[in-house]
Amino acid sequence: MVIRRSPMALLRMDKGNMNYLETIAYLHGLTDYETKRVRRYTPEVFDLSRVERMLEAVGNPHRQFPSVHIAGSKGKGSTASMIESCLRAAGYRTGLYTSPHLHTFRERICVGGMKIGRDEVVELVEELRPLVRRMPGLTTFEVITTMAFLYFARSKVDLAVVEVGLGGRLDATNVLRPEVSVITSISLDHTYLLGDTLGEIAREKGGIIKAGIPTVTAPQRAEAIRALEEIGERRSAPLVEVSRDWDYEAGPADRSGQSFSVQRIGAGGSELDGEYWIPLLGRHQLENAASAVAALDVLREQGHELPVAAVHEGLRQVEWLGRLEILSHDPLVVVDCAHNPYSARTLRSALREWFPDHSWVMVFGASMDKDIAGMLEALVPISDYTIVTRANHPRAMAPIELADIVAGVGGGAEVSLNVRKSLERALAMMDPENGLLATGSIFLVADLREAWARHVGTPVPDNDDQ
């Protein structure tokens, strides 16, 4: 969402007394690496001392609650949502910090499953603005992280589940000393920042491993797991590896969800061994779910009360929108936030498994800093017709440039100026054997979900335009 500010609004922002939308504009007016490309992930750019000073100035709220800290290239949000849902089902007052958001900034900071209120966002920012003025260089994410930790502390959460924003080692969230760290699947993403090899990226993600604190890792390729094991050994941090210390197996699945079984290997197993069901599609979600169960098992061993029934209920009730999500069965409309070649290939495999009789009319939009050719190489072959467009976000690539990239991978694309028109055109091009697939970025998916709601006359998701 682009917020245009009038001269009167700018005056109010100068003097304080901002409304909610002006507050969000103020946050993004700080150095914002979600909208600006930086050259390298280095201490000169990503400096933990800034957020440490900010947190100290407000009483170090991040030390006032236990936490679970999650890094990785893919599956961070899903895994965080699963762990938080299980903790909440067990009766804990939970905090959940994730990014980026799908529809509204308030999704990033949740307590007890509820988004932070607009008034609370405004009040927290007003409180922090004097500190921001005194501490030059603070970034958008550093200020939001401070807001989240302050909100969690004041809300007296029992446990907070916190997702890394970028990388791990130098991420603002890495001030935490969690009960358990989790590293989800690592792939070649943000290579211009984090490194050109899996080992380099794994070392950045593995920067969240703390001395003596257990870390759960999803199945990793050899180069990545070696890097994580080296860090764990160096820091005397126990490493729990799904596929080595935990095993999982896929069970029956349909379009409402899937079952799976999970088992701790050796040491007498775990009380959490057993069969579970999640309402999320895609077999890749099973490694996220197995990682979540393994992390919950670590929390149980540390003395946190987590009944087996609560873990079953939490996984059954988990919600993570925009990830292989079916918006409609007739016509079939599917959205997915795949934003790199690895996730695009994962999406392609999942579509073939869950919808074997369908080909796709694809609506595609992506951010300029992504490996767009790599994504399209995976997705164009399964698309009967491709429409390229742009989401309402400053990083979105122009549709005409996307069309050139589609041509470069051997396809053809229709250019559409916005997501609403893309949806209308896609529906017009579909036949009974087609589904509509919208993918390429979280921003594209958000716009498509809102456009679909308007198209069918259902309530538009809570968003920052309302």
Foldseek 3Di string as FASTA:
>chain_A
DDDDDDPVQVVCVVVAPHALVSLVVVLQVFAECVQDPDQAQDCVQQPLVLLVVLCVVVPVLLVQEAEEEEAEDPLRVVLLLLLQLLCVLQPFFEWEADDDDQFANQVRTDTSNHGDDSVLSSVLSSVSVVVPVVRPPDHSQSSVVSSRSVVCSVVVTHYYYYYFDDQALRTNVLVHDHQEYEYEEHDPWPCSYQHDDLLSSLLRNLNSQAAQHEYEYFDYPPSNVVNNVVVCVVRVYHYHYEVPQKDKAWDDDAQQWTKIFMWGPDPVIAPLGDMAIARAFAPSVVSSLNSSSVVVRSVVVVPDDRDSVSSRVSRHPGDDPQCQDFPDVVQTEGGHADAALVVLLSVLVRCCVHPVQAAEEEEEKAFPPYPLLSNLLSRVVRHPAYEYEFFPGSRIDHRVVSQVSNVVSPHGYHYDHYLLVVVVVRVVPDDSRYHYYYYHHSRRSSRNQQSVCVVVVHDGPDHPVD
